[in-house]
Amino acid sequence: MPTLYTYCIPGDDGAAPNPFWGICTLTICKPVIRRTAKVGDWIVGTGSMQFGFQNKVVYAMEVTQKMTMKEYEMFCKEYLPMKIPK
């Protein structure tokens, strides 16, 4: 049975989660979720009161693949170069 992970996004600048270019990633945030989530699990980010998005779902994504940072870097260089910050 899949696990549902939820957390409050304190601010949304598009870096974490990074929903751009067709793939939503948690590469630079939520290390515990990244470490424990398995393929098939779901992650839901909710909005913060600070920005008036309390009780709102900002995003929901299913874990479809897990990569090491090195694998992610190589994947982005080949398929998603715009996802890598300059």
PDB file of N, CA and C in Angstrom:
ATOM      1  N   MET A   1       0.834  -1.171   0.000  1.00  0.00           N
ATOM      2  CA  MET A   1       0.000   0.000   0.000  1.00  0.00           C
ATOM      3  C   MET A   1       0.889   1.248   0.000  1.00  0.00           C
ATOM      4  N   PRO A   2       0.600   2.223  -0.859  1.00  0.00           N
ATOM      5  CA  PRO A   2       1.408   3.440  -0.917  1.00  0.00           C
ATOM      6  C   PRO A   2       1.304   4.261   0.369  1.00  0.00           C
ATOM      7  N   THR A   3       2.350   4.999   0.641  1.00  0.00           N
ATOM      8  CA  THR A   3       2.376   5.930   1.765  1.00  0.00           C
ATOM      9  C   THR A   3       2.104   7.326   1.236  1.00  0.00           C
ATOM     10  N   LEU A   4       1.382   8.132   2.011  1.00  0.00           N
ATOM     11  CA  LEU A   4       1.134   9.527   1.671  1.00  0.00           C
ATOM     12  C   LEU A   4       1.977  10.393   2.591  1.00  0.00           C
ATOM     13  N   TYR A   5       2.853  11.197   2.000  1.00  0.00           N
ATOM     14  CA  TYR A   5       3.668  12.149   2.745  1.00  0.00           C
ATOM     15  C   TYR A   5       3.081  13.535   2.517  1.00  0.00           C
ATOM     16  N   THR A   6       2.980  14.333   3.569  1.00  0.00           N
ATOM     17  CA  THR A   6       2.502  15.706   3.429  1.00  0.00           C
ATOM     18  C   THR A   6       3.431  16.635   4.189  1.00  0.00           C
ATOM     19  N   TYR A   7       3.519  17.862   3.707  1.00  0.00           N
ATOM     20  CA  TYR A   7       4.269  18.882   4.421  1.00  0.00           C
ATOM     21  C   TYR A   7       3.792  20.248   3.961  1.00  0.00           C
ATOM     22  N   CYS A   8       4.053  21.248   4.785  1.00  0.00           N
ATOM     23  CA  CYS A   8       3.690  22.625   4.479  1.00  0.00           C
ATOM     24  C   CYS A   8       4.856  23.295   3.760  1.00  0.00           C
ATOM     25  N   ILE A   9       4.558  23.934   2.646  1.00  0.00           N
ATOM     26  CA  ILE A   9       5.573  24.665   1.888  1.00  0.00           C
ATOM     27  C   ILE A   9       5.611  26.088   2.448  1.00  0.00           C
ATOM     28  N   PRO A  10       6.704  26.484   3.107  1.00  0.00           N
ATOM     29  CA  PRO A  10       6.740  27.811   3.727  1.00  0.00           C
ATOM     30  C   PRO A  10       6.699  28.947   2.710  1.00  0.00           C
ATOM     31  N   GLY A  11       7.284  28.745   1.556  1.00  0.00           N
ATOM     32  CA  GLY A  11       7.289  29.724   0.472  1.00  0.00           C
ATOM     33  C   GLY A  11       7.526  28.989  -0.826  1.00  0.00           C
ATOM     34  N   ASP A  12       6.980  29.484  -1.904  1.00  0.00           N
ATOM     35  CA  ASP A  12       7.090  28.763  -3.174  1.00  0.00           C
ATOM     36  C   ASP A  12       7.765  29.633  -4.221  1.00  0.00           C
ATOM     37  N   ASP A  13       9.061  29.376  -4.441  1.00  0.00           N
ATOM     38  CA  ASP A  13       9.782  30.104  -5.480  1.00  0.00           C
ATOM     39  C   ASP A  13      10.088  29.219  -6.683  1.00  0.00           C
ATOM     40  N   GLY A  14       9.548  28.006  -6.683  1.00  0.00           N
ATOM     41  CA  GLY A  14       9.735  27.097  -7.807  1.00  0.00           C
ATOM     42  C   GLY A  14      10.963  26.214  -7.707  1.00  0.00           C
ATOM     43  N   ALA A  15      11.797  26.420  -6.680  1.00  0.00           N
ATOM     44  CA  ALA A  15      13.010  25.610  -6.561  1.00  0.00           C
ATOM     45  C   ALA A  15      12.738  24.275  -5.882  1.00  0.00           C
ATOM     46  N   ALA A  16      11.871  24.296  -4.886  1.00  0.00           N
ATOM     47  CA  ALA A  16      11.600  23.075  -4.137  1.00  0.00           C
ATOM     48  C   ALA A  16      10.166  23.104  -3.626  1.00  0.00           C
ATOM     49  N   PRO A  17       9.293  22.361  -4.178  1.00  0.00           N
ATOM     50  CA  PRO A  17       9.538  21.430  -5.281  1.00  0.00           C
ATOM     51  C   PRO A  17       9.764  22.188  -6.586  1.00  0.00           C
ATOM     52  N   ASN A  18      10.427  21.528  -7.504  1.00  0.00           N
ATOM     53  CA  ASN A  18      10.693  22.103  -8.821  1.00  0.00           C
ATOM     54  C   ASN A  18       9.762  21.419  -9.817  1.00  0.00           C
ATOM     55  N   PRO A  19       8.660  22.098 -10.198  1.00  0.00           N
ATOM     56  CA  PRO A  19       7.659  21.468 -11.058  1.00  0.00           C
ATOM     57  C   PRO A  19       7.865  21.724 -12.544  1.00  0.00           C
ATOM     58  N   PHE A  20       8.960  22.338 -12.917  1.00  0.00           N
ATOM     59  CA  PHE A  20       9.119  22.795 -14.293  1.00  0.00           C
ATOM     60  C   PHE A  20       9.636  21.716 -15.236  1.00  0.00           C
ATOM     61  N   TRP A  21       9.360  21.904 -16.501  1.00  0.00           N
ATOM     62  CA  TRP A  21       9.797  21.041 -17.596  1.00  0.00           C
ATOM     63  C   TRP A  21       9.236  19.630 -17.493  1.00  0.00           C
ATOM     64  N   GLY A  22       8.014  19.529 -16.949  1.00  0.00           N
ATOM     65  CA  GLY A  22       7.280  18.270 -17.001  1.00  0.00           C
ATOM     66  C   GLY A  22       7.602  17.236 -15.941  1.00  0.00           C
ATOM     67  N   ILE A  23       8.548  17.546 -15.062  1.00  0.00           N
ATOM     68  CA  ILE A  23       8.910  16.600 -14.000  1.00  0.00           C
ATOM     69  C   ILE A  23       9.007  17.373 -12.695  1.00  0.00           C
ATOM     70  N   CYS A  24       8.245  16.955 -11.691  1.00  0.00           N
ATOM     71  CA  CYS A  24       8.284  17.602 -10.380  1.00  0.00           C
ATOM     72  C   CYS A  24       9.307  16.874  -9.510  1.00  0.00           C
ATOM     73  N   THR A  25      10.238  17.619  -8.937  1.00  0.00           N
ATOM     74  CA  THR A  25      11.305  17.001  -8.149  1.00  0.00           C
ATOM     75  C   THR A  25      11.430  17.645  -6.772  1.00  0.00           C
ATOM     76  N   LEU A  26      11.994  16.895  -5.853  1.00  0.00           N
ATOM     77  CA  LEU A  26      12.308  17.372  -4.504  1.00  0.00           C
ATOM     78  C   LEU A  26      13.809  17.290  -4.265  1.00  0.00           C
ATOM     79  N   THR A  27      14.581  17.661  -5.230  1.00  0.00           N
ATOM     80  CA  THR A  27      16.021  17.456  -5.186  1.00  0.00           C
ATOM     81  C   THR A  27      16.721  18.190  -4.054  1.00  0.00           C
ATOM     82  N   ILE A  28      16.253  19.386  -3.709  1.00  0.00           N
ATOM     83  CA  ILE A  28      16.974  20.175  -2.701  1.00  0.00           C
ATOM     84  C   ILE A  28      16.178  20.382  -1.418  1.00  0.00           C
ATOM     85  N   CYS A  29      15.116  19.623  -1.228  1.00  0.00           N
ATOM     86  CA  CYS A  29      14.346  19.783   0.010  1.00  0.00           C
ATOM     87  C   CYS A  29      13.833  18.431   0.494  1.00  0.00           C
ATOM     88  N   LYS A  30      13.357  18.420   1.701  1.00  0.00           N
ATOM     89  CA  LYS A  30      12.713  17.256   2.306  1.00  0.00           C
ATOM     90  C   LYS A  30      13.580  15.997   2.272  1.00  0.00           C
ATOM     91  N   PRO A  31      14.764  16.032   2.890  1.00  0.00           N
ATOM     92  CA  PRO A  31      15.659  14.873   2.835  1.00  0.00           C
ATOM     93  C   PRO A  31      15.063  13.598   3.432  1.00  0.00           C
ATOM     94  N   VAL A  32      14.247  13.724   4.472  1.00  0.00           N
ATOM     95  CA  VAL A  32      13.658  12.516   5.072  1.00  0.00           C
ATOM     96  C   VAL A  32      12.670  11.874   4.098  1.00  0.00           C
ATOM     97  N   ILE A  33      11.848  12.698   3.452  1.00  0.00           N
ATOM     98  CA  ILE A  33      10.913  12.155   2.458  1.00  0.00           C
ATOM     99  C   ILE A  33      11.691  11.535   1.305  1.00  0.00           C
ATOM    100  N   ARG A  34      12.719  12.224   0.813  1.00  0.00           N
ATOM    101  CA  ARG A  34      13.505  11.677  -0.301  1.00  0.00           C
ATOM    102  C   ARG A  34      14.122  10.336   0.073  1.00  0.00           C
ATOM    103  N   ARG A  35      14.570  10.219   1.310  1.00  0.00           N
ATOM    104  CA  ARG A  35      15.228   8.985   1.747  1.00  0.00           C
ATOM    105  C   ARG A  35      14.233   7.836   1.943  1.00  0.00           C
ATOM    106  N   THR A  36      13.038   8.121   2.442  1.00  0.00           N
ATOM    107  CA  THR A  36      12.119   7.049   2.826  1.00  0.00           C
ATOM    108  C   THR A  36      11.024   6.745   1.813  1.00  0.00           C
ATOM    109  N   ALA A  37      10.674   7.700   0.966  1.00  0.00           N
ATOM    110  CA  ALA A  37       9.591   7.463  -0.005  1.00  0.00           C
ATOM    111  C   ALA A  37      10.013   6.398  -1.011  1.00  0.00           C
ATOM    112  N   LYS A  38       9.032   5.631  -1.432  1.00  0.00           N
ATOM    113  CA  LYS A  38       9.266   4.562  -2.414  1.00  0.00           C
ATOM    114  C   LYS A  38       8.448   4.847  -3.664  1.00  0.00           C
ATOM    115  N   VAL A  39       8.844   4.238  -4.771  1.00  0.00           N
ATOM    116  CA  VAL A  39       8.073   4.353  -6.006  1.00  0.00           C
ATOM    117  C   VAL A  39       6.642   3.911  -5.707  1.00  0.00           C
ATOM    118  N   GLY A  40       5.682   4.718  -6.130  1.00  0.00           N
ATOM    119  CA  GLY A  40       4.271   4.442  -5.874  1.00  0.00           C
ATOM    120  C   GLY A  40       3.695   5.258  -4.727  1.00  0.00           C
ATOM    121  N   ASP A  41       4.558   5.815  -3.864  1.00  0.00           N
ATOM    122  CA  ASP A  41       4.086   6.682  -2.783  1.00  0.00           C
ATOM    123  C   ASP A  41       3.665   8.036  -3.357  1.00  0.00           C
ATOM    124  N   TRP A  42       2.936   8.799  -2.552  1.00  0.00           N
ATOM    125  CA  TRP A  42       2.466  10.123  -2.960  1.00  0.00           C
ATOM    126  C   TRP A  42       2.998  11.171  -2.002  1.00  0.00           C
ATOM    127  N   ILE A  43       3.286  12.365  -2.546  1.00  0.00           N
ATOM    128  CA  ILE A  43       3.751  13.501  -1.754  1.00  0.00           C
ATOM    129  C   ILE A  43       2.829  14.677  -2.060  1.00  0.00           C
ATOM    130  N   VAL A  44       2.325  15.303  -1.007  1.00  0.00           N
ATOM    131  CA  VAL A  44       1.436  16.454  -1.152  1.00  0.00           C
ATOM    132  C   VAL A  44       2.041  17.623  -0.388  1.00  0.00           C
ATOM    133  N   GLY A  45       2.186  18.745  -1.075  1.00  0.00           N
ATOM    134  CA  GLY A  45       2.647  19.972  -0.442  1.00  0.00           C
ATOM    135  C   GLY A  45       1.469  20.900  -0.235  1.00  0.00           C
ATOM    136  N   THR A  46       1.315  21.393   0.988  1.00  0.00           N
ATOM    137  CA  THR A  46       0.219  22.315   1.286  1.00  0.00           C
ATOM    138  C   THR A  46       0.776  23.717   1.504  1.00  0.00           C
ATOM    139  N   GLY A  47      -0.080  24.711   1.295  1.00  0.00           N
ATOM    140  CA  GLY A  47       0.338  26.101   1.417  1.00  0.00           C
ATOM    141  C   GLY A  47       0.445  26.564   2.859  1.00  0.00           C
ATOM    142  N   SER A  48       1.162  27.666   3.044  1.00  0.00           N
ATOM    143  CA  SER A  48       1.369  28.204   4.387  1.00  0.00           C
ATOM    144  C   SER A  48       0.432  29.376   4.660  1.00  0.00           C
ATOM    145  N   MET A  49       0.179  29.608   5.931  1.00  0.00           N
ATOM    146  CA  MET A  49      -0.644  30.735   6.352  1.00  0.00           C
ATOM    147  C   MET A  49       0.044  32.053   5.995  1.00  0.00           C
ATOM    148  N   GLN A  50       1.365  32.060   6.029  1.00  0.00           N
ATOM    149  CA  GLN A  50       2.143  33.273   5.767  1.00  0.00           C
ATOM    150  C   GLN A  50       1.787  33.896   4.416  1.00  0.00           C
ATOM    151  N   PHE A  51       1.474  33.069   3.432  1.00  0.00           N
ATOM    152  CA  PHE A  51       1.171  33.575   2.099  1.00  0.00           C
ATOM    153  C   PHE A  51      -0.307  33.440   1.743  1.00  0.00           C
ATOM    154  N   GLY A  52      -1.145  33.116   2.737  1.00  0.00           N
ATOM    155  CA  GLY A  52      -2.580  33.037   2.505  1.00  0.00           C
ATOM    156  C   GLY A  52      -3.037  31.771   1.803  1.00  0.00           C
ATOM    157  N   PHE A  53      -2.230  30.730   1.851  1.00  0.00           N
ATOM    158  CA  PHE A  53      -2.587  29.474   1.192  1.00  0.00           C
ATOM    159  C   PHE A  53      -2.810  28.339   2.193  1.00  0.00           C
ATOM    160  N   GLN A  54      -3.125  28.678   3.445  1.00  0.00           N
ATOM    161  CA  GLN A  54      -3.378  27.630   4.429  1.00  0.00           C
ATOM    162  C   GLN A  54      -4.563  26.781   3.982  1.00  0.00           C
ATOM    163  N   ASN A  55      -4.473  25.502   4.274  1.00  0.00           N
ATOM    164  CA  ASN A  55      -5.522  24.530   3.913  1.00  0.00           C
ATOM    165  C   ASN A  55      -5.706  24.375   2.406  1.00  0.00           C
ATOM    166  N   LYS A  56      -4.703  24.711   1.632  1.00  0.00           N
ATOM    167  CA  LYS A  56      -4.760  24.550   0.177  1.00  0.00           C
ATOM    168  C   LYS A  56      -3.671  23.573  -0.263  1.00  0.00           C
ATOM    169  N   VAL A  57      -3.999  22.724  -1.213  1.00  0.00           N
ATOM    170  CA  VAL A  57      -2.994  21.839  -1.807  1.00  0.00           C
ATOM    171  C   VAL A  57      -2.268  22.624  -2.892  1.00  0.00           C
ATOM    172  N   VAL A  58      -0.953  22.739  -2.764  1.00  0.00           N
ATOM    173  CA  VAL A  58      -0.131  23.423  -3.763  1.00  0.00           C
ATOM    174  C   VAL A  58       0.248  22.445  -4.866  1.00  0.00           C
ATOM    175  N   TYR A  59       0.570  21.228  -4.483  1.00  0.00           N
ATOM    176  CA  TYR A  59       0.892  20.208  -5.480  1.00  0.00           C
ATOM    177  C   TYR A  59       0.701  18.825  -4.882  1.00  0.00           C
ATOM    178  N   ALA A  60       0.529  17.859  -5.753  1.00  0.00           N
ATOM    179  CA  ALA A  60       0.512  16.441  -5.379  1.00  0.00           C
ATOM    180  C   ALA A  60       1.266  15.702  -6.466  1.00  0.00           C
ATOM    181  N   MET A  61       2.145  14.813  -6.064  1.00  0.00           N
ATOM    182  CA  MET A  61       2.880  14.042  -7.067  1.00  0.00           C
ATOM    183  C   MET A  61       3.079  12.614  -6.586  1.00  0.00           C
ATOM    184  N   GLU A  62       3.087  11.713  -7.544  1.00  0.00           N
ATOM    185  CA  GLU A  62       3.389  10.312  -7.271  1.00  0.00           C
ATOM    186  C   GLU A  62       4.871  10.095  -7.509  1.00  0.00           C
ATOM    187  N   VAL A  63       5.508   9.347  -6.632  1.00  0.00           N
ATOM    188  CA  VAL A  63       6.913   8.997  -6.819  1.00  0.00           C
ATOM    189  C   VAL A  63       6.971   7.928  -7.906  1.00  0.00           C
ATOM    190  N   THR A  64       7.592   8.267  -9.019  1.00  0.00           N
ATOM    191  CA  THR A  64       7.696   7.330 -10.141  1.00  0.00           C
ATOM    192  C   THR A  64       9.115   6.829 -10.344  1.00  0.00           C
ATOM    193  N   GLN A  65      10.079   7.535  -9.739  1.00  0.00           N
ATOM    194  CA  GLN A  65      11.472   7.137  -9.897  1.00  0.00           C
ATOM    195  C   GLN A  65      12.281   7.772  -8.776  1.00  0.00           C
ATOM    196  N   LYS A  66      13.320   7.072  -8.322  1.00  0.00           N
ATOM    197  CA  LYS A  66      14.246   7.616  -7.341  1.00  0.00           C
ATOM    198  C   LYS A  66      15.646   7.577  -7.935  1.00  0.00           C
ATOM    199  N   MET A  67      16.396   8.658  -7.700  1.00  0.00           N
ATOM    200  CA  MET A  67      17.755   8.762  -8.222  1.00  0.00           C
ATOM    201  C   MET A  67      18.667   9.315  -7.136  1.00  0.00           C
ATOM    202  N   THR A  68      19.932   8.979  -7.245  1.00  0.00           N
ATOM    203  CA  THR A  68      20.930   9.646  -6.420  1.00  0.00           C
ATOM    204  C   THR A  68      21.125  11.048  -6.997  1.00  0.00           C
ATOM    205  N   MET A  69      21.780  11.912  -6.251  1.00  0.00           N
ATOM    206  CA  MET A  69      22.056  13.261  -6.764  1.00  0.00           C
ATOM    207  C   MET A  69      22.886  13.190  -8.041  1.00  0.00           C
ATOM    208  N   LYS A  70      23.841  12.286  -8.077  1.00  0.00           N
ATOM    209  CA  LYS A  70      24.687  12.138  -9.267  1.00  0.00           C
ATOM    210  C   LYS A  70      23.853  11.683 -10.464  1.00  0.00           C
ATOM    211  N   GLU A  71      22.974  10.702 -10.251  1.00  0.00           N
ATOM    212  CA  GLU A  71      22.105  10.234 -11.337  1.00  0.00           C
ATOM    213  C   GLU A  71      21.186  11.353 -11.815  1.00  0.00           C
ATOM    214  N   TYR A  72      20.664  12.146 -10.867  1.00  0.00           N
ATOM    215  CA  TYR A  72      19.778  13.254 -11.226  1.00  0.00           C
ATOM    216  C   TYR A  72      20.529  14.300 -12.044  1.00  0.00           C
ATOM    217  N   GLU A  73      21.741  14.620 -11.620  1.00  0.00           N
ATOM    218  CA  GLU A  73      22.551  15.590 -12.358  1.00  0.00           C
ATOM    219  C   GLU A  73      22.800  15.112 -13.792  1.00  0.00           C
ATOM    220  N   MET A  74      23.158  13.852 -13.951  1.00  0.00           N
ATOM    221  CA  MET A  74      23.406  13.301 -15.291  1.00  0.00           C
ATOM    222  C   MET A  74      22.120  13.305 -16.123  1.00  0.00           C
ATOM    223  N   PHE A  75      20.993  12.917 -15.514  1.00  0.00           N
ATOM    224  CA  PHE A  75      19.701  12.904 -16.197  1.00  0.00           C
ATOM    225  C   PHE A  75      19.345  14.308 -16.679  1.00  0.00           C
ATOM    226  N   CYS A  76      19.508  15.293 -15.801  1.00  0.00           N
ATOM    227  CA  CYS A  76      19.175  16.669 -16.176  1.00  0.00           C
ATOM    228  C   CYS A  76      20.097  17.194 -17.270  1.00  0.00           C
ATOM    229  N   LYS A  77      21.374  16.898 -17.167  1.00  0.00           N
ATOM    230  CA  LYS A  77      22.302  17.357 -18.204  1.00  0.00           C
ATOM    231  C   LYS A  77      21.899  16.829 -19.569  1.00  0.00           C
ATOM    232  N   GLU A  78      21.426  15.582 -19.611  1.00  0.00           N
ATOM    233  CA  GLU A  78      21.061  14.976 -20.890  1.00  0.00           C
ATOM    234  C   GLU A  78      19.663  15.359 -21.353  1.00  0.00           C
ATOM    235  N   TYR A  79      18.687  15.344 -20.439  1.00  0.00           N
ATOM    236  CA  TYR A  79      17.291  15.499 -20.848  1.00  0.00           C
ATOM    237  C   TYR A  79      16.637  16.815 -20.433  1.00  0.00           C
ATOM    238  N   LEU A  80      17.113  17.435 -19.367  1.00  0.00           N
ATOM    239  CA  LEU A  80      16.456  18.628 -18.825  1.00  0.00           C
ATOM    240  C   LEU A  80      17.480  19.692 -18.417  1.00  0.00           C
ATOM    241  N   PRO A  81      18.307  20.169 -19.323  1.00  0.00           N
ATOM    242  CA  PRO A  81      19.367  21.105 -18.931  1.00  0.00           C
ATOM    243  C   PRO A  81      18.842  22.392 -18.293  1.00  0.00           C
ATOM    244  N   MET A  82      17.609  22.790 -18.598  1.00  0.00           N
ATOM    245  CA  MET A  82      17.064  24.018 -18.023  1.00  0.00           C
ATOM    246  C   MET A  82      16.716  23.860 -16.536  1.00  0.00           C
ATOM    247  N   LYS A  83      16.638  22.627 -16.047  1.00  0.00           N
ATOM    248  CA  LYS A  83      16.293  22.388 -14.643  1.00  0.00           C
ATOM    249  C   LYS A  83      17.492  22.642 -13.720  1.00  0.00           C
ATOM    250  N   ILE A  84      18.686  22.674 -14.253  1.00  0.00           N
ATOM    251  CA  ILE A  84      19.893  22.872 -13.452  1.00  0.00           C
ATOM    252  C   ILE A  84      20.099  24.371 -13.245  1.00  0.00           C
ATOM    253  N   PRO A  85      20.121  24.836 -11.978  1.00  0.00           N
ATOM    254  CA  PRO A  85      20.317  26.268 -11.719  1.00  0.00           C
ATOM    255  C   PRO A  85      21.683  26.730 -12.212  1.00  0.00           C
ATOM    256  N   LYS A  86      21.722  27.944 -12.650  1.00  0.00           N
ATOM    257  CA  LYS A  86      22.987  28.536 -13.122  1.00  0.00           C
ATOM    258  C   LYS A  86      23.701  29.215 -11.984  1.00  0.00           C
TER     259      LYS A  86
END
